[in-house]
Amino acid sequence: MFNIQNILTVVIICWLAVISLVSVIVTIVDKLKAVHNGWRIKESTLLILSALGGSVAMYITMQIIRHKTRKLKFMLGIPAIFILQVAAAVVICLVMNNAWG
């Protein structure tokens, strides 16, 4: 049987998969453009993608391809965003468990 908790879980997992894939692709494209002196993707765009749920995928990608690793805004900012996301997820789960028994 379908219930709202199961549906929300599937939606969240799908969202995180999609936003993570987009974050990886955008990070790689920005790295390629940096190497070839092309038009760059705004740093704010990268940070927004991270805040929308792509923080883990983006951070791992940046480490693997050595992109933005010397910028504190990214090396501290993306893990900070991830920590806030985990804290928010814990709070939401606690509230949902209390509300739905």
Protein backbone atom coordinates (compact mmCIF):
# COMPACT_ATOMS: atom_id res chain seq x y z
CA MET A 1 0.00 0.00 0.00
CA PHE A 2 1.16 3.52 -0.74
CA ASN A 3 1.55 5.96 2.09
CA ILE A 4 2.80 9.51 2.15
CA GLN A 5 6.05 8.58 3.91
CA ASN A 6 7.00 6.06 1.23
CA ILE A 7 6.11 8.45 -1.57
CA LEU A 8 8.15 11.27 0.02
CA THR A 9 11.11 8.93 0.46
CA VAL A 10 11.06 7.93 -3.21
CA VAL A 11 10.69 11.56 -4.32
CA ILE A 12 13.61 12.67 -2.13
CA ILE A 13 15.86 9.84 -3.33
CA CYS A 14 15.03 10.63 -6.98
CA TRP A 15 15.65 14.36 -6.39
CA LEU A 16 19.02 13.69 -4.77
CA ALA A 17 20.04 11.36 -7.60
CA VAL A 18 19.12 13.91 -10.27
CA ILE A 19 20.63 16.95 -8.54
CA SER A 20 23.79 14.97 -7.77
CA LEU A 21 24.16 13.98 -11.42
CA VAL A 22 23.60 17.58 -12.54
CA SER A 23 26.14 18.79 -9.96
CA VAL A 24 28.77 16.34 -11.20
CA ILE A 25 28.20 17.29 -14.85
CA VAL A 26 28.27 21.04 -14.16
CA THR A 27 31.44 20.71 -12.08
CA ILE A 28 33.19 18.74 -14.81
CA VAL A 29 32.06 21.21 -17.49
CA ASP A 30 33.40 24.10 -15.41
CA LYS A 31 36.74 22.32 -14.99
CA LEU A 32 36.98 21.69 -18.73
CA LYS A 33 36.17 25.32 -19.46
CA ALA A 34 38.81 26.42 -16.95
CA VAL A 35 41.44 24.23 -18.63
CA HIS A 36 40.56 25.56 -22.08
CA ASN A 37 40.08 29.20 -20.96
CA GLY A 38 36.43 29.13 -21.91
CA TRP A 39 33.38 30.83 -20.48
CA ARG A 40 33.01 29.70 -16.86
CA ILE A 41 30.06 28.68 -14.75
CA LYS A 42 29.35 31.14 -11.94
CA GLU A 43 30.55 30.10 -8.50
CA SER A 44 27.11 30.97 -7.17
CA THR A 45 25.59 28.40 -9.54
CA LEU A 46 27.90 25.71 -8.18
CA LEU A 47 27.03 26.64 -4.60
CA ILE A 48 23.29 26.69 -5.35
CA LEU A 49 23.50 23.20 -6.85
CA SER A 50 25.29 22.11 -3.72
CA ALA A 51 22.61 23.66 -1.51
CA LEU A 52 19.86 22.00 -3.54
CA GLY A 53 21.22 18.59 -2.60
CA GLY A 54 24.28 18.00 -4.74
CA SER A 55 26.82 18.78 -2.03
CA VAL A 56 28.27 15.29 -1.57
CA ALA A 57 28.53 14.54 -5.28
CA MET A 58 30.01 17.95 -6.04
CA TYR A 59 32.57 17.76 -3.24
CA ILE A 60 33.71 14.29 -4.29
CA THR A 61 33.88 15.36 -7.94
CA MET A 62 35.91 18.46 -7.05
CA GLN A 63 38.39 16.30 -5.14
CA ILE A 64 38.70 13.73 -7.94
CA ILE A 65 39.21 16.25 -10.74
CA ARG A 66 41.12 18.75 -8.55
CA HIS A 67 38.74 21.61 -9.24
CA LYS A 68 38.22 24.54 -6.85
CA THR A 69 40.24 22.69 -4.21
CA ARG A 70 42.27 25.80 -3.33
CA LYS A 71 39.17 27.93 -2.75
CA LEU A 72 38.07 27.98 0.88
CA LYS A 73 34.60 29.03 -0.23
CA PHE A 74 34.20 25.56 -1.71
CA MET A 75 36.38 23.39 0.51
CA LEU A 76 34.69 24.70 3.68
CA GLY A 77 31.40 25.89 2.23
CA ILE A 78 30.26 22.66 0.60
CA PRO A 79 30.95 20.49 3.68
CA ALA A 80 29.17 23.12 5.80
CA ILE A 81 26.17 22.95 3.46
CA PHE A 82 26.21 19.15 3.76
CA ILE A 83 26.28 19.31 7.57
CA LEU A 84 23.32 21.70 7.54
CA GLN A 85 21.47 19.38 5.15
CA VAL A 86 22.06 16.38 7.42
CA ALA A 87 20.91 18.36 10.47
CA ALA A 88 17.77 19.46 8.62
CA ALA A 89 17.09 15.88 7.51
CA VAL A 90 17.42 14.63 11.10
CA VAL A 91 15.02 17.29 12.37
CA ILE A 92 12.52 16.54 9.58
CA CYS A 93 12.71 12.79 10.30
CA LEU A 94 12.16 13.36 14.02
CA VAL A 95 9.20 15.64 13.37
CA MET A 96 7.71 13.23 10.83
CA ASN A 97 8.13 10.25 13.17
CA ASN A 98 6.44 12.13 16.00
CA ALA A 99 3.63 13.39 13.76
CA TRP A 100 2.93 10.03 12.12
CA GLY A 101 3.63 7.78 15.09
